[in-house]
Amino acid sequence: METKIVKSSEANIFLEGVEVCREYFKTEKITFGTSQLHPGQTGAVDKGHPNSHEVFFVVRGSVLLRCGEKLYELNEGDAQIIPPGEPHQLTNIGDCVALVSWSLAPSEI
């Protein structure tokens, strides 16, 4: 694979509830994208990825991450890894639009 640039306007955009997701890259080894939530919004429950670890990195804002029955508060600059198959959900608990980058490895194609 060669080096590739994907502009925000070129990303695959989809919704998980009210969560606006952009998928920038999807290969056999990794998937990378972002999620955006306005203050007070909660995204849909992601049932988890049976064969992939997922990493969340908070680019902007503050979110509450529900993993199974546990809650984690993540602020700008924080990261969390989610084990394979773990259901999870994001809620924006801050006062600005939250932006979270995420990646799955290996990718689920």
Protein backbone atom coordinates (compact mmCIF):
# COMPACT_ATOMS: atom_id res chain seq x y z
CA MET A 1 0.00 0.00 0.00
CA GLU A 2 1.26 3.46 -0.83
CA THR A 3 1.02 6.61 1.30
CA LYS A 4 -2.45 8.09 1.02
CA ILE A 5 -4.12 11.29 2.27
CA VAL A 6 -7.86 11.35 2.94
CA LYS A 7 -9.53 14.72 3.52
CA SER A 8 -12.39 14.96 6.02
CA SER A 9 -14.77 15.66 3.13
CA GLU A 10 -13.66 12.40 1.44
CA ALA A 11 -14.10 10.12 4.47
CA ASN A 12 -16.92 7.59 4.62
CA ILE A 13 -19.51 9.32 6.84
CA PHE A 14 -22.08 7.33 8.82
CA LEU A 15 -24.19 7.69 11.97
CA GLU A 16 -24.26 5.58 15.11
CA GLY A 17 -27.38 7.10 16.65
CA VAL A 18 -26.57 10.84 16.83
CA GLU A 19 -22.81 10.16 16.75
CA VAL A 20 -21.31 11.39 13.48
CA CYS A 21 -18.59 8.96 12.41
CA ARG A 22 -15.98 9.33 9.69
CA GLU A 23 -14.02 6.32 8.51
CA TYR A 24 -10.78 7.44 6.90
CA PHE A 25 -8.96 4.16 6.34
CA LYS A 26 -9.89 0.50 6.26
CA THR A 27 -7.31 -2.12 5.30
CA GLU A 28 -6.89 -5.76 6.24
CA LYS A 29 -4.69 -4.65 9.17
CA ILE A 30 -6.32 -1.49 10.58
CA THR A 31 -9.42 0.70 10.50
CA PHE A 32 -9.16 4.37 11.52
CA GLY A 33 -11.82 7.02 11.99
CA THR A 34 -13.36 9.68 14.21
CA SER A 35 -16.59 10.22 16.13
CA GLN A 36 -18.17 13.59 16.90
CA LEU A 37 -20.80 14.30 19.56
CA HIS A 38 -22.40 17.58 20.63
CA PRO A 39 -22.67 18.39 24.35
CA GLY A 40 -25.08 16.02 26.11
CA GLN A 41 -25.36 13.61 23.18
CA THR A 42 -24.94 9.84 23.55
CA GLY A 43 -24.01 7.64 20.62
CA ALA A 44 -25.48 4.23 19.90
CA VAL A 45 -24.12 1.15 21.67
CA ASP A 46 -21.37 -0.48 19.60
CA LYS A 47 -21.70 -4.21 20.21
CA GLY A 48 -17.93 -4.62 20.11
CA HIS A 49 -15.56 -6.21 17.66
CA PRO A 50 -15.00 -9.93 18.25
CA ASN A 51 -11.55 -10.11 16.66
CA SER A 52 -10.19 -6.59 17.16
CA HIS A 53 -8.90 -4.33 19.88
CA GLU A 54 -10.24 -0.78 19.59
CA VAL A 55 -8.42 2.34 20.78
CA PHE A 56 -10.17 5.63 21.56
CA PHE A 57 -8.19 8.88 21.77
CA VAL A 58 -9.96 12.08 22.83
CA VAL A 59 -8.82 14.81 20.44
CA ARG A 60 -11.17 17.47 21.84
CA GLY A 61 -13.59 17.67 24.76
CA SER A 62 -14.62 15.23 27.49
CA VAL A 63 -16.55 11.99 27.11
CA LEU A 64 -17.93 9.24 29.28
CA LEU A 65 -17.06 5.83 27.85
CA ARG A 66 -19.27 2.93 28.89
CA CYS A 67 -17.55 -0.43 28.46
CA GLY A 68 -19.89 -3.21 29.48
CA GLU A 69 -21.05 -2.11 32.95
CA LYS A 70 -18.03 0.13 33.69
CA LEU A 71 -17.81 3.90 33.11
CA TYR A 72 -14.63 5.82 32.30
CA GLU A 73 -14.24 9.59 32.07
CA LEU A 74 -11.86 10.55 29.27
CA ASN A 75 -10.60 14.07 28.69
CA GLU A 76 -8.65 15.69 25.89
CA GLY A 77 -5.40 13.78 25.40
CA ASP A 78 -6.62 10.58 27.12
CA ALA A 79 -6.67 7.19 25.40
CA GLN A 80 -8.30 3.87 26.22
CA ILE A 81 -8.07 0.41 24.68
CA ILE A 82 -11.17 -1.76 24.52
CA PRO A 83 -10.75 -5.54 24.45
CA PRO A 84 -12.27 -7.65 21.66
CA GLY A 85 -16.02 -8.18 21.91
CA GLU A 86 -16.63 -5.53 24.61
CA PRO A 87 -19.81 -3.46 24.01
CA HIS A 88 -19.16 0.28 24.36
CA GLN A 89 -20.85 3.68 24.08
CA LEU A 90 -19.76 7.33 24.16
CA THR A 91 -21.49 10.30 25.82
CA ASN A 92 -20.26 13.89 25.51
CA ILE A 93 -20.10 15.22 29.10
CA GLY A 94 -18.32 18.46 28.19
CA ASP A 95 -19.47 21.87 27.01
CA CYS A 96 -17.99 21.73 23.49
CA VAL A 97 -18.27 19.36 20.54
CA ALA A 98 -16.26 16.23 21.42
CA LEU A 99 -14.00 14.64 18.83
CA VAL A 100 -12.70 11.12 19.44
CA SER A 101 -10.39 9.25 17.08
CA TRP A 102 -10.64 5.47 17.03
CA SER A 103 -8.85 2.58 15.43
CA LEU A 104 -9.40 -1.18 15.20
CA ALA A 105 -6.66 -3.72 14.74
CA PRO A 106 -6.77 -6.07 13.10
CA SER A 107 -9.43 -4.59 10.87
CA GLU A 108 -12.77 -6.34 10.49
CA ILE A 109 -13.41 -6.46 6.77
